[in-house]
Protein backbone atom coordinates (compact mmCIF):
# COMPACT_ATOMS: atom_id res chain seq x y z
CA UNK A 1 -0.19 0.06 -0.25
CA UNK A 2 1.13 3.65 -0.54
CA UNK A 3 2.11 5.30 2.31
CA UNK A 4 1.65 9.21 2.84
CA UNK A 5 3.33 12.19 4.03
CA UNK A 6 1.44 11.60 7.35
CA UNK A 7 3.01 8.29 7.70
CA UNK A 8 6.55 9.55 7.05
CA UNK A 9 6.09 12.18 9.69
CA UNK A 10 5.11 9.81 12.11
CA UNK A 11 8.29 7.82 11.23
CA UNK A 12 10.39 10.58 11.69
CA UNK A 13 8.99 11.32 14.91
CA UNK A 14 9.43 7.82 16.47
CA UNK A 15 13.08 8.07 15.06
CA UNK A 16 13.85 11.23 16.80
CA UNK A 17 12.58 9.84 20.03
CA UNK A 18 14.50 6.64 19.67
CA UNK A 19 17.65 8.74 19.06
CA UNK A 20 16.96 11.31 21.75
CA UNK A 21 15.42 9.46 24.67
CA UNK A 22 16.10 5.72 24.09
CA UNK A 23 19.20 4.52 22.36
CA UNK A 24 21.61 6.40 24.62
CA UNK A 25 20.08 4.43 27.59
CA UNK A 26 19.73 0.98 26.07
CA UNK A 27 23.17 -0.52 27.05
CA UNK A 28 22.62 0.53 30.65
CA UNK A 29 19.08 -0.93 30.51
CA UNK A 30 20.47 -4.09 28.89
CA UNK A 31 23.01 -4.59 31.80
CA UNK A 32 20.29 -3.82 34.50
CA UNK A 33 17.90 -6.39 32.74
CA UNK A 34 15.11 -3.99 32.85
CA UNK A 35 14.08 -0.59 31.42
CA UNK A 36 11.94 2.35 33.17
CA UNK A 37 8.54 1.05 31.50
CA UNK A 38 6.44 3.58 33.18
CA UNK A 39 8.89 6.46 32.39
CA UNK A 40 9.28 5.19 28.72
CA UNK A 41 5.54 4.57 28.06
CA UNK A 42 4.64 8.02 29.64
CA UNK A 43 6.78 9.81 26.81
CA UNK A 44 5.38 7.49 24.30
CA UNK A 45 1.72 8.62 25.55
CA UNK A 46 2.41 12.29 25.38
CA UNK A 47 3.77 11.64 21.81
CA UNK A 48 0.29 9.99 21.16
CA UNK A 49 2.16 6.73 19.98
CA UNK A 50 0.47 4.17 22.30
CA UNK A 51 -3.01 4.50 20.57
CA UNK A 52 -2.46 5.43 16.77
CA UNK A 53 -5.36 3.01 15.87
CA UNK A 54 -7.27 2.91 19.12
CA UNK A 55 -10.69 4.69 19.97
CA UNK A 56 -10.38 8.50 20.20
CA UNK A 57 -13.07 8.41 23.17
CA UNK A 58 -10.36 6.52 25.05
CA UNK A 59 -7.40 8.95 24.11
CA UNK A 60 -6.23 7.31 20.90
CA UNK A 61 -5.70 8.68 17.57
CA UNK A 62 -8.40 6.80 15.83
CA UNK A 63 -6.14 6.18 12.75
CA UNK A 64 -6.06 3.06 10.63
CA UNK A 65 -3.77 0.02 11.27
CA UNK A 66 -1.16 1.28 8.84
CA UNK A 67 0.04 3.84 11.11
CA UNK A 68 0.66 1.19 14.14
CA UNK A 69 2.50 -0.82 11.45
CA UNK A 70 4.95 2.18 10.78
CA UNK A 71 5.42 2.37 14.33
CA UNK A 72 6.18 -1.62 14.68
CA UNK A 73 8.57 -1.30 12.04
CA UNK A 74 10.46 1.85 13.10
CA UNK A 75 10.84 0.59 16.60
CA UNK A 76 13.47 -1.78 14.97
CA UNK A 77 15.87 1.10 15.10
CA UNK A 78 15.98 1.00 18.99
CA UNK A 79 19.35 -0.81 19.71
CA UNK A 80 17.70 -3.80 21.36
CA UNK A 81 14.84 -6.08 20.97
CA UNK A 82 13.51 -5.89 24.52
CA UNK A 83 12.34 -2.47 24.80
CA UNK A 84 10.32 -2.54 21.29
CA UNK A 85 8.76 -5.97 22.24
CA UNK A 86 7.72 -4.34 25.73
CA UNK A 87 6.14 -1.57 23.88
CA UNK A 88 4.36 -3.99 21.30
CA UNK A 89 2.95 -5.82 24.11
CA UNK A 90 1.31 -2.68 25.06
CA UNK A 91 -0.02 -1.52 21.61
CA UNK A 92 -0.59 -4.94 19.89
CA UNK A 93 -0.83 -7.70 22.31
CA UNK A 94 -2.69 -6.91 25.45
CA UNK A 95 -4.93 -3.96 24.00
CA UNK A 96 -6.49 -5.02 20.88
CA UNK A 97 -9.14 -7.22 22.27
CA UNK A 98 -9.75 -4.75 25.00
CA UNK A 99 -10.21 -1.82 22.31
CA UNK A 100 -12.27 -3.88 20.27
CA UNK A 101 -14.41 -5.89 22.42
CA UNK A 102 -14.37 -4.10 25.90
CA UNK A 103 -17.23 -2.22 27.22
CA UNK A 104 -16.98 1.25 27.65
CA UNK A 105 -16.34 1.30 31.55
CA UNK A 106 -13.40 -1.48 31.20
CA UNK A 107 -11.82 0.63 28.47
CA UNK A 108 -12.16 4.00 30.33
CA UNK A 109 -10.69 1.98 33.44
CA UNK A 110 -7.60 0.15 31.75
CA UNK A 111 -7.33 1.12 28.04
CA UNK A 112 -7.43 5.11 28.39
CA UNK A 113 -4.40 4.67 30.98
CA UNK A 114 -2.64 2.09 28.80
CA UNK A 115 -2.84 4.64 25.88
CA UNK A 116 -1.52 7.80 27.87
CA UNK A 117 1.27 5.62 29.15
CA UNK A 118 -0.04 5.65 32.70
CA UNK A 119 -0.59 2.02 32.85
CA UNK A 120 1.84 -0.86 31.87
CA UNK A 121 -0.04 -3.87 30.46
CA UNK A 122 0.74 -7.42 29.98
CA UNK A 123 -0.62 -10.48 28.61
CA UNK A 124 -1.25 -13.73 30.39
CA UNK A 125 -1.75 -16.52 27.87
CA UNK A 126 1.30 -18.93 27.95
CA UNK A 127 1.63 -21.24 30.69
CA UNK A 128 4.20 -23.94 32.06
CA UNK A 129 3.27 -26.86 29.62
CA UNK A 130 1.02 -24.71 27.43
CA UNK A 131 2.91 -22.47 25.05
CA UNK A 132 1.77 -22.64 21.28
CA UNK A 133 -1.02 -24.75 22.49
CA UNK A 134 -3.18 -22.28 23.88
CA UNK A 135 -6.32 -24.58 24.07
CA UNK A 136 -4.33 -26.55 26.77
CA UNK A 137 -4.08 -23.70 29.35
CA UNK A 138 -5.25 -24.77 32.99
CA UNK A 139 -5.84 -21.36 34.64
CA UNK A 140 -9.50 -21.33 35.89
CA UNK A 141 -11.64 -18.50 36.75
CA UNK A 142 -14.66 -19.65 38.66
CA UNK A 143 -17.92 -17.50 39.23
CA UNK A 144 -18.83 -16.44 43.01
CA UNK A 145 -21.57 -13.98 43.40
CA UNK A 146 -20.46 -11.13 41.08
CA UNK A 147 -16.86 -11.99 40.89
CA UNK A 148 -14.53 -14.36 39.27
CA UNK A 149 -12.06 -16.29 41.40
CA UNK A 150 -9.00 -17.01 39.19
CA UNK A 151 -6.57 -19.75 40.31
CA UNK A 152 -3.44 -20.84 38.18
CA UNK A 153 -0.64 -19.21 36.76
CA UNK A 154 1.17 -17.73 33.62
CA UNK A 155 4.56 -17.96 32.14
CA UNK A 156 6.99 -16.07 29.97
CA UNK A 157 4.88 -12.68 30.40
CA UNK A 158 6.55 -9.75 29.05
CA UNK A 159 6.23 -6.64 31.37
CA UNK A 160 5.12 -8.83 34.06
CA UNK A 161 7.11 -7.29 36.93
CA UNK A 162 6.20 -3.72 36.12
CA UNK A 163 2.62 -4.06 34.81
CA UNK A 164 -0.39 -2.48 36.10
CA UNK A 165 -2.85 -4.93 34.63
CA UNK A 166 -2.63 -8.22 33.17
CA UNK A 167 -5.16 -9.54 30.41
CA UNK A 168 -5.69 -13.12 31.58
CA UNK A 169 -6.95 -16.15 29.30
CA UNK A 170 -8.62 -18.44 31.69
CA UNK A 171 -11.01 -21.54 31.57
CA UNK A 172 -14.49 -19.99 32.66
CA UNK A 173 -16.39 -23.26 31.88
CA UNK A 174 -15.99 -27.02 31.64
CA UNK A 175 -16.99 -27.01 28.00
CA UNK A 176 -15.04 -27.73 24.77
CA UNK A 177 -11.59 -26.00 24.91
CA UNK A 178 -12.12 -23.49 22.18
CA UNK A 179 -15.46 -22.23 23.85
CA UNK A 180 -14.70 -22.28 27.48
CA UNK A 181 -12.19 -19.56 27.80
CA UNK A 182 -12.57 -15.73 28.52
CA UNK A 183 -10.22 -12.89 28.46
CA UNK A 184 -10.16 -11.13 31.98
CA UNK A 185 -8.39 -8.07 32.93
CA UNK A 186 -6.62 -8.44 36.32
CA UNK A 187 -5.23 -5.72 38.19
CA UNK A 188 -1.69 -6.47 39.25
CA UNK A 189 -2.24 -5.19 42.74
CA UNK A 190 -5.23 -7.73 43.28
CA UNK A 191 -4.69 -9.74 46.51
CA UNK A 192 -3.28 -13.38 45.42
CA UNK A 193 -1.59 -12.13 42.34
CA UNK A 194 2.26 -12.89 42.75
CA UNK A 195 5.17 -12.23 40.66
CA UNK A 196 6.83 -15.77 41.29
CA UNK A 197 10.13 -14.79 39.63
CA UNK A 198 11.66 -12.59 37.04
CA UNK A 199 13.04 -14.80 34.05
CA UNK A 200 16.62 -14.79 32.91
CA UNK A 201 16.64 -15.29 29.13
CA UNK A 202 19.48 -15.62 26.31
CA UNK A 203 18.43 -12.35 24.67
CA UNK A 204 16.08 -9.49 25.22
CA UNK A 205 17.78 -8.57 28.28
CA UNK A 206 15.91 -5.23 28.85
CA UNK A 207 12.61 -6.68 28.87
CA UNK A 208 11.25 -7.81 32.08
CA UNK A 209 9.77 -11.25 31.77
CA UNK A 210 7.88 -12.80 34.81
CA UNK A 211 6.30 -15.79 36.06
CA UNK A 212 3.01 -15.13 37.64
CA UNK A 213 0.94 -17.00 40.14
CA UNK A 214 -2.91 -16.37 40.80
CA UNK A 215 -4.14 -17.77 43.91
CA UNK A 216 -7.95 -17.00 44.68
CA UNK A 217 -7.60 -13.80 42.84
CA UNK A 218 -10.94 -12.21 43.02
CA UNK A 219 -12.09 -9.69 40.13
CA UNK A 220 -15.41 -8.37 39.03
CA UNK A 221 -17.02 -10.00 36.14
CA UNK A 222 -17.33 -6.53 34.57
CA UNK A 223 -13.59 -7.01 34.03
CA UNK A 224 -14.53 -9.77 31.41
CA UNK A 225 -13.57 -8.69 27.75
CA UNK A 226 -16.55 -9.36 25.50
CA UNK A 227 -18.79 -12.51 25.88
CA UNK A 228 -18.06 -15.37 28.33
CA UNK A 229 -16.57 -18.36 26.50
CA UNK A 230 -15.29 -16.30 23.35
CA UNK A 231 -11.83 -15.70 25.07
CA UNK A 232 -9.95 -18.12 22.90
CA UNK A 233 -11.42 -16.56 19.48
CA UNK A 234 -10.70 -13.10 20.75
CA UNK A 235 -7.09 -14.41 21.43
CA UNK A 236 -6.75 -15.83 18.01
CA UNK A 237 -7.87 -12.27 16.47
CA UNK A 238 -5.46 -10.88 18.73
CA UNK A 239 -2.66 -13.15 17.66
CA UNK A 240 -2.87 -12.03 14.09
CA UNK A 241 -2.14 -8.43 15.04
CA UNK A 242 0.69 -9.52 17.35
CA UNK A 243 2.25 -11.77 14.57
CA UNK A 244 2.18 -8.81 12.00
CA UNK A 245 3.73 -6.78 14.62
CA UNK A 246 6.42 -9.22 15.01
CA UNK A 247 7.14 -9.55 11.43
CA UNK A 248 7.14 -5.72 10.85
CA UNK A 249 9.45 -5.18 13.78
CA UNK A 250 11.72 -8.05 12.48
CA UNK A 251 11.89 -6.03 9.29
CA UNK A 252 13.26 -3.11 11.13
CA UNK A 253 15.86 -5.15 12.96
CA UNK A 254 17.02 -6.81 9.98
CA UNK A 255 17.59 -3.51 7.58
CA UNK A 256 19.36 -2.12 10.81
CA UNK A 257 21.79 -5.22 10.94
CA UNK A 258 22.40 -4.80 7.18
CA UNK A 259 23.00 -1.26 7.64
CA UNK A 260 25.34 -1.53 10.57
CA UNK A 261 27.43 -4.34 8.89
CA UNK A 262 27.97 -2.21 5.66
CA UNK A 263 29.11 0.52 7.87
CA UNK A 264 31.49 -1.97 9.83
CA UNK A 265 32.80 -3.84 6.81
CA UNK A 266 33.46 -0.53 4.87
CA UNK A 267 35.85 0.67 7.84
CA UNK A 268 37.27 -2.65 8.84
CA UNK A 269 40.38 -3.61 6.62
CA UNK A 270 41.76 -7.26 6.06
CA UNK A 271 44.65 -8.11 3.53
CA UNK A 272 44.93 -4.50 2.59
CA UNK A 273 41.44 -3.64 1.59
CA UNK A 274 37.93 -3.06 3.35
CA UNK A 275 36.01 -6.28 3.97
CA UNK A 276 33.04 -4.98 2.16
CA UNK A 277 35.29 -4.55 -1.17
CA UNK A 278 35.13 -8.15 -1.22
CA UNK A 279 32.57 -9.44 -3.91
CA UNK A 280 31.44 -12.25 -1.84
CA UNK A 281 30.54 -9.64 1.20
CA UNK A 282 28.76 -7.21 -0.89
CA UNK A 283 26.67 -10.03 -2.79
CA UNK A 284 25.89 -11.43 0.15
CA UNK A 285 24.59 -8.30 1.84
CA UNK A 286 22.69 -7.69 -1.59
CA UNK A 287 21.05 -11.02 -1.27
CA UNK A 288 20.09 -10.63 2.48
CA UNK A 289 18.47 -7.11 1.57
CA UNK A 290 16.47 -8.71 -1.07
CA UNK A 291 15.19 -11.36 1.60
CA UNK A 292 14.13 -8.43 3.68
CA UNK A 293 12.37 -6.63 0.81
CA UNK A 294 10.37 -9.79 0.15
CA UNK A 295 9.37 -10.21 3.92
CA UNK A 296 8.57 -6.33 3.88
CA UNK A 297 6.12 -6.68 1.20
CA UNK A 298 4.46 -9.74 2.66
CA UNK A 299 3.85 -7.80 5.73
CA UNK A 300 2.31 -4.71 4.19
CA UNK A 301 0.14 -6.93 2.03
CA UNK A 302 -1.07 -8.40 5.37
CA UNK A 303 -1.38 -4.73 6.61
CA UNK A 304 -3.44 -3.73 3.74
CA UNK A 305 -5.91 -6.53 4.51
CA UNK A 306 -6.35 -5.32 8.11
CA UNK A 307 -6.99 -1.85 6.87
CA UNK A 308 -9.57 -2.78 4.72
CA UNK A 309 -11.17 -4.95 7.24
CA UNK A 310 -10.51 -8.21 5.66
CA UNK A 311 -9.24 -11.32 7.02
CA UNK A 312 -5.34 -11.20 7.46
CA UNK A 313 -4.81 -14.38 9.14
CA UNK A 314 -3.08 -16.45 6.35
CA UNK A 315 -0.89 -13.43 5.31
CA UNK A 316 -0.03 -12.55 8.98
CA UNK A 317 0.76 -16.43 9.74
CA UNK A 318 3.15 -16.28 6.75
CA UNK A 319 4.90 -13.13 7.43
CA UNK A 320 5.42 -14.45 10.99
CA UNK A 321 6.91 -17.63 9.63
CA UNK A 322 9.07 -15.93 6.98
CA UNK A 323 10.19 -13.11 9.41
CA UNK A 324 11.58 -15.53 11.98
CA UNK A 325 13.59 -17.25 9.26
CA UNK A 326 14.71 -14.11 7.47
CA UNK A 327 15.78 -12.06 10.66
CA UNK A 328 17.80 -15.27 11.92
CA UNK A 329 19.49 -15.70 8.31
CA UNK A 330 20.21 -11.81 8.26
CA UNK A 331 21.76 -11.86 11.94
CA UNK A 332 23.90 -15.06 11.29
CA UNK A 333 25.18 -13.88 7.94
CA UNK A 334 25.79 -10.45 9.02
CA UNK A 335 27.70 -11.68 12.15
CA UNK A 336 29.95 -13.92 10.10
CA UNK A 337 31.45 -10.47 8.51
CA UNK A 338 32.01 -9.17 11.77
CA UNK A 339 34.42 -11.81 12.67
CA UNK A 340 35.73 -11.85 16.17
CA UNK A 341 34.06 -8.58 16.95
CA UNK A 342 30.50 -10.16 16.06
CA UNK A 343 31.00 -12.93 18.79
CA UNK A 344 31.74 -10.13 21.61
CA UNK A 345 28.85 -9.22 23.86
CA UNK A 346 29.54 -5.44 23.04
CA UNK A 347 29.07 -5.78 19.23
CA UNK A 348 25.35 -4.52 18.18
CA UNK A 349 25.39 -7.55 15.70
CA UNK A 350 25.53 -10.12 18.52
CA UNK A 351 22.57 -8.38 20.51
CA UNK A 352 20.51 -8.74 17.40
CA UNK A 353 21.60 -12.35 16.87
CA UNK A 354 20.41 -13.23 20.42
CA UNK A 355 17.24 -11.09 20.63
CA UNK A 356 15.80 -12.13 17.32
CA UNK A 357 15.89 -15.80 17.99
CA UNK A 358 12.65 -15.20 19.88
CA UNK A 359 10.79 -14.45 16.33
CA UNK A 360 10.43 -17.94 15.60
CA UNK A 361 9.18 -18.84 19.01
CA UNK A 362 7.01 -15.99 20.74
CA UNK A 363 3.48 -15.51 19.58
CA UNK A 364 3.11 -19.09 18.28
CA UNK A 365 6.27 -21.33 17.21
CA UNK A 366 7.04 -21.75 13.50
CA UNK A 367 5.65 -25.06 13.65
CA UNK A 368 2.19 -23.71 14.76
CA UNK A 369 2.57 -21.33 11.82
CA UNK A 370 2.96 -24.15 9.30
CA UNK A 371 -0.07 -25.77 10.96
CA UNK A 372 -2.29 -22.95 10.33
CA UNK A 373 -1.08 -22.51 6.75
CA UNK A 374 -1.60 -26.11 6.20
CA UNK A 375 -5.22 -25.67 7.33
CA UNK A 376 -5.60 -22.92 4.72
CA UNK A 377 -3.95 -25.21 1.99
CA UNK A 378 -6.31 -28.14 2.81
CA UNK A 379 -3.62 -30.48 3.68
CA UNK A 380 -3.57 -30.76 7.29
CA UNK A 381 -4.33 -34.74 7.94
CA UNK A 382 -7.53 -35.01 10.01
CA UNK A 383 -7.00 -36.11 13.68
């Protein structure tokens, strides 16, 4: 689709904010294994970047999804993966269903402060033993008077140690696994909510990732998003936006990896000439750039579907699958040209290499993407 001057103005605003307010602090946040989410999200809220395609009545900009896509892609210019991912959780993972299906009171209580940056949100879907297999989650929410009483736990929860609320997928009945779940907004300060531990990861260091426990957590039934029993469906819809976000952000990161590798290999000399002057090197970088261009086109075909109000599931799934493969190929190929420096923790390419490995896992593993695509092709064997 054709981007407008307004899209490019948005991109310039995000780039300026990253250069001035984020990248100077990234190395310290990576060492600390956390970043100040409320401070950073507050800045984004003031710039109007946390609700680009969210309802105006809740403080959003009311724009179409293409503007959110520009944001996702441009966040790839942040010099780590953890901070963009945390922002993506806020904008495209824990709030789409709330914005689309939440009642006015629920949106006013949680979506509006998420858009302003006052609240940090997280999404509670994955559990120990239930990652990509969302239907197998065991967390329960039973009715008691006008409340739900939630018991269970969530794993790999991005923003989990700093969040003000968690959108929790829980079983609200004993019915079929695809029709017995509901999405419920749980304030993190509610009695019985515990951050069991902050998880250490092989990458995404500046993103705080938590394991959560829910022990007789009581929240009003009015905190349910949409209809009871429709949580699985809402989460699958939400996943499509999450997967497009991941693919778009991977595009931005991959382009940065290539750009930084060109700069490094243009300066680094071996055997009397710049490494970039070797035909194999510049041919390989051109090949990687072409792969990113193909991914970019696939992503934006999906974005256009969303903007037109059409089902983008197949394209979002294909983009997510391709993104994990391409960004891994780019990171590995570029790192090789950095030589020994590429293996050093201090080099930008090594951080990209570590951080982007998650793209093929988070939001549904590659194997799940392939399964979904096989369904569209009509070749998935019947159970």
